[in-house]
């Protein structure tokens, strides 16, 4: 629990930093809302289902990515402005970090749920189904961005964050798909070890 309290403190600190004088509060609200909803869901279900420390850590990292994007907007994160200028890129690519995480982190959340709840018993299908769900999540998020931009007009441009790149939506979904594959490839064995440990404590 000490580790989880530490993660929660970091979450609160970055959240508070993010809310202080952001680029604009409308964009901040749109970008940060998923992290706030996520924390509420995790808190409400904690006594019924506790994830491994790996998943909680990755969720915190994803939330921090959202908080930074909400504070500056994804098109104006200073570090990635510097990277753009130094490497002569055409745009600020911080949003690609966000979309990579959008696949990477949910893949491991879904994987843990599916394994521990025995949703998919055949491991051969597990990875394919996880990646497919992450792709569906990415598509849904792109729909949300589209609807918000239509409804809010110019005030939604910072949330959409295309920066004039006509293939932004497609590349966002590609990065989320790559993130899901990388998450499974990098952390599957380590996650399995953590799952065995947490299940041994439960039993």
Protein backbone atom coordinates (compact mmCIF):
# COMPACT_ATOMS: atom_id res chain seq x y z
CA UNK A 1 0.00 0.00 0.00
CA UNK A 2 2.90 2.39 0.64
CA UNK A 3 3.87 2.12 -3.01
CA UNK A 4 0.32 2.85 -4.14
CA UNK A 5 0.07 5.83 -1.79
CA UNK A 6 3.30 7.12 -3.33
CA UNK A 7 1.79 6.83 -6.80
CA UNK A 8 -1.34 8.64 -5.63
CA UNK A 9 0.72 11.49 -4.16
CA UNK A 10 2.60 11.87 -7.46
CA UNK A 11 -0.74 11.88 -9.30
CA UNK A 12 -2.07 14.69 -7.10
CA UNK A 13 1.13 16.75 -7.38
CA UNK A 14 1.23 16.62 -11.18
CA UNK A 15 -2.52 17.25 -11.35
CA UNK A 16 -2.19 20.38 -9.20
CA UNK A 17 0.72 21.61 -11.32
CA UNK A 18 -1.33 20.98 -14.45
CA UNK A 19 -4.33 23.00 -13.30
CA UNK A 20 -2.26 26.09 -12.42
CA UNK A 21 -2.42 28.57 -15.31
CA UNK A 22 -2.80 26.13 -18.23
CA UNK A 23 -2.89 27.24 -21.85
CA UNK A 24 -6.69 27.33 -21.65
CA UNK A 25 -9.07 25.64 -19.25
CA UNK A 26 -11.39 24.19 -21.89
CA UNK A 27 -8.57 22.18 -23.48
CA UNK A 28 -7.22 21.30 -20.05
CA UNK A 29 -10.57 19.89 -19.00
CA UNK A 30 -10.90 17.79 -22.16
CA UNK A 31 -7.39 16.36 -21.89
CA UNK A 32 -7.41 15.70 -18.14
CA UNK A 33 -10.94 14.31 -17.84
CA UNK A 34 -9.97 10.71 -18.79
CA UNK A 35 -7.35 10.66 -16.02
CA UNK A 36 -9.86 11.92 -13.46
CA UNK A 37 -12.48 9.39 -14.54
CA UNK A 38 -9.84 6.65 -14.48
CA UNK A 39 -8.86 7.45 -10.90
CA UNK A 40 -12.51 7.41 -9.84
CA UNK A 41 -13.04 3.99 -11.44
CA UNK A 42 -9.89 2.56 -9.88
CA UNK A 43 -10.88 3.88 -6.44
CA UNK A 44 -14.43 2.53 -6.73
CA UNK A 45 -13.27 -0.94 -7.75
CA UNK A 46 -10.11 -1.20 -5.60
CA UNK A 47 -11.59 -3.49 -2.95
CA UNK A 48 -13.04 -5.82 -5.59
CA UNK A 49 -10.10 -5.91 -7.98
CA UNK A 50 -6.58 -4.74 -7.29
CA UNK A 51 -4.21 -4.51 -10.24
CA UNK A 52 -0.51 -5.27 -10.08
CA UNK A 53 1.93 -2.50 -9.21
CA UNK A 54 3.12 -2.57 -12.83
CA UNK A 55 -0.31 -1.59 -14.14
CA UNK A 56 -0.81 1.12 -11.52
CA UNK A 57 2.61 2.57 -12.36
CA UNK A 58 1.85 2.63 -16.08
CA UNK A 59 -1.54 4.22 -15.42
CA UNK A 60 0.19 6.99 -13.45
CA UNK A 61 2.64 7.59 -16.31
CA UNK A 62 -0.26 7.80 -18.75
CA UNK A 63 -2.09 10.24 -16.48
CA UNK A 64 1.03 12.43 -16.28
CA UNK A 65 1.22 12.47 -20.08
CA UNK A 66 -2.41 13.67 -20.12
CA UNK A 67 -1.71 16.30 -17.45
CA UNK A 68 1.25 17.72 -19.37
CA UNK A 69 -0.77 17.74 -22.60
CA UNK A 70 -3.65 19.44 -20.84
CA UNK A 71 -1.42 22.11 -19.30
CA UNK A 72 0.42 23.14 -22.46
CA UNK A 73 -1.87 21.59 -25.13
CA UNK A 74 -0.30 18.78 -27.14
CA UNK A 75 0.90 21.16 -29.85
CA UNK A 76 2.83 23.41 -27.45
CA UNK A 77 4.75 21.15 -25.03
CA UNK A 78 8.10 23.00 -24.68
CA UNK A 79 10.40 19.96 -24.78
CA UNK A 80 8.85 18.76 -28.01
CA UNK A 81 9.00 22.26 -29.49
CA UNK A 82 12.74 22.06 -28.83
CA UNK A 83 12.91 18.57 -30.41
CA UNK A 84 10.98 19.88 -33.42
CA UNK A 85 13.41 22.76 -33.90
CA UNK A 86 16.60 20.77 -33.30
CA UNK A 87 15.63 17.88 -35.59
CA UNK A 88 13.88 20.10 -38.15
CA UNK A 89 10.51 18.40 -37.73
CA UNK A 90 7.38 19.96 -39.19
CA UNK A 91 5.30 19.78 -36.00
CA UNK A 92 5.33 19.24 -32.24
CA UNK A 93 4.98 15.46 -31.89
CA UNK A 94 4.09 15.19 -28.19
CA UNK A 95 0.63 13.98 -29.20
CA UNK A 96 2.25 10.86 -30.67
CA UNK A 97 3.65 10.07 -27.22
CA UNK A 98 0.12 10.34 -25.89
CA UNK A 99 -1.29 8.04 -28.55
CA UNK A 100 1.52 5.53 -28.09
CA UNK A 101 0.59 5.41 -24.40
CA UNK A 102 -3.07 5.14 -25.40
CA UNK A 103 -2.27 1.71 -26.78
CA UNK A 104 0.59 0.69 -24.48
CA UNK A 105 -1.14 1.13 -21.13
CA UNK A 106 -4.65 -0.15 -21.96
CA UNK A 107 -3.07 -3.27 -23.50
CA UNK A 108 -1.61 -4.26 -20.15
CA UNK A 109 -4.76 -3.28 -18.25
CA UNK A 110 -6.86 -5.46 -20.57
CA UNK A 111 -4.31 -8.27 -20.50
CA UNK A 112 -4.38 -8.43 -16.72
CA UNK A 113 -8.16 -8.34 -16.58
CA UNK A 114 -8.48 -11.07 -19.21
CA UNK A 115 -5.93 -13.36 -17.55
CA UNK A 116 -7.12 -12.97 -13.97
CA UNK A 117 -10.81 -13.08 -14.83
CA UNK A 118 -10.17 -15.91 -17.33
CA UNK A 119 -12.03 -14.06 -20.08
CA UNK A 120 -9.86 -15.64 -22.78
CA UNK A 121 -8.60 -19.11 -21.90
CA UNK A 122 -6.53 -19.69 -25.02
CA UNK A 123 -3.34 -17.63 -24.92
CA UNK A 124 -3.01 -17.90 -28.70
CA UNK A 125 -5.98 -15.56 -29.14
CA UNK A 126 -5.19 -13.30 -26.20
CA UNK A 127 -2.73 -10.90 -27.83
CA UNK A 128 -4.80 -10.53 -30.99
CA UNK A 129 -7.92 -9.67 -29.01
CA UNK A 130 -6.05 -7.20 -26.78
CA UNK A 131 -4.56 -5.33 -29.74
CA UNK A 132 -7.95 -5.28 -31.46
CA UNK A 133 -9.60 -3.76 -28.38
CA UNK A 134 -6.86 -1.12 -28.11
CA UNK A 135 -7.41 -0.24 -31.76
CA UNK A 136 -11.14 0.11 -31.06
CA UNK A 137 -10.38 2.40 -28.10
CA UNK A 138 -8.18 4.55 -30.34
CA UNK A 139 -10.86 4.77 -33.03
CA UNK A 140 -13.46 5.75 -30.42
CA UNK A 141 -11.18 8.49 -29.08
CA UNK A 142 -10.71 9.86 -32.59
CA UNK A 143 -14.51 9.96 -32.96
CA UNK A 144 -14.73 11.91 -29.69
CA UNK A 145 -12.08 14.39 -30.87
CA UNK A 146 -13.97 14.85 -34.12
CA UNK A 147 -17.32 15.46 -32.42
CA UNK A 148 -15.82 17.88 -29.88
CA UNK A 149 -14.11 19.84 -32.65
CA UNK A 150 -17.36 20.08 -34.63
CA UNK A 151 -19.39 21.16 -31.60
CA UNK A 152 -16.89 23.62 -30.16
CA UNK A 153 -15.48 25.10 -33.37
CA UNK A 154 -12.17 26.90 -33.03
CA UNK A 155 -12.02 26.32 -29.28
CA UNK A 156 -11.68 22.58 -29.99
CA UNK A 157 -8.69 22.96 -32.30
CA UNK A 158 -6.21 22.61 -29.45
CA UNK A 159 -7.90 19.40 -28.39
CA UNK A 160 -7.87 18.02 -31.93
CA UNK A 161 -4.20 19.02 -32.33
CA UNK A 162 -3.71 18.10 -35.99
CA UNK A 163 -1.30 21.02 -36.57
CA UNK A 164 -2.12 20.95 -40.27
CA UNK A 165 -1.12 17.31 -40.70
CA UNK A 166 -3.77 15.71 -42.92
CA UNK A 167 -2.92 12.14 -41.81
CA UNK A 168 -2.99 12.97 -38.10
CA UNK A 169 -6.01 10.79 -37.30
CA UNK A 170 -4.60 7.77 -39.11
CA UNK A 171 -1.16 8.17 -37.56
CA UNK A 172 -2.72 8.51 -34.10
CA UNK A 173 -4.42 5.14 -34.50
CA UNK A 174 -1.20 3.63 -35.87
CA UNK A 175 0.78 4.83 -32.84
CA UNK A 176 -1.83 3.40 -30.47
CA UNK A 177 -1.63 0.06 -32.27
CA UNK A 178 2.17 0.07 -32.09
CA UNK A 179 1.95 0.99 -28.41
CA UNK A 180 -0.35 -1.98 -27.70
CA UNK A 181 2.01 -4.39 -29.46
CA UNK A 182 5.05 -2.97 -27.66
CA UNK A 183 3.33 -3.14 -24.28
CA UNK A 184 2.56 -6.82 -24.72
CA UNK A 185 6.01 -7.61 -26.14
CA UNK A 186 7.98 -5.77 -23.44
CA UNK A 187 6.02 -6.49 -20.28
CA UNK A 188 4.13 -9.79 -20.73
CA UNK A 189 6.61 -11.97 -18.82
CA UNK A 190 7.09 -9.43 -16.04
CA UNK A 191 3.34 -8.93 -15.75
CA UNK A 192 2.80 -12.68 -15.52
CA UNK A 193 5.21 -12.80 -12.56
CA UNK A 194 3.37 -9.98 -10.81
CA UNK A 195 0.02 -11.64 -11.48
CA UNK A 196 1.28 -14.88 -9.90
CA UNK A 197 2.46 -12.96 -6.85
CA UNK A 198 -0.80 -11.08 -6.34
CA UNK A 199 -2.88 -14.22 -6.89
CA UNK A 200 -0.78 -16.14 -4.36
CA UNK A 201 -1.53 -13.45 -1.77
CA UNK A 202 -5.25 -13.60 -2.55
CA UNK A 203 -5.39 -17.38 -2.20
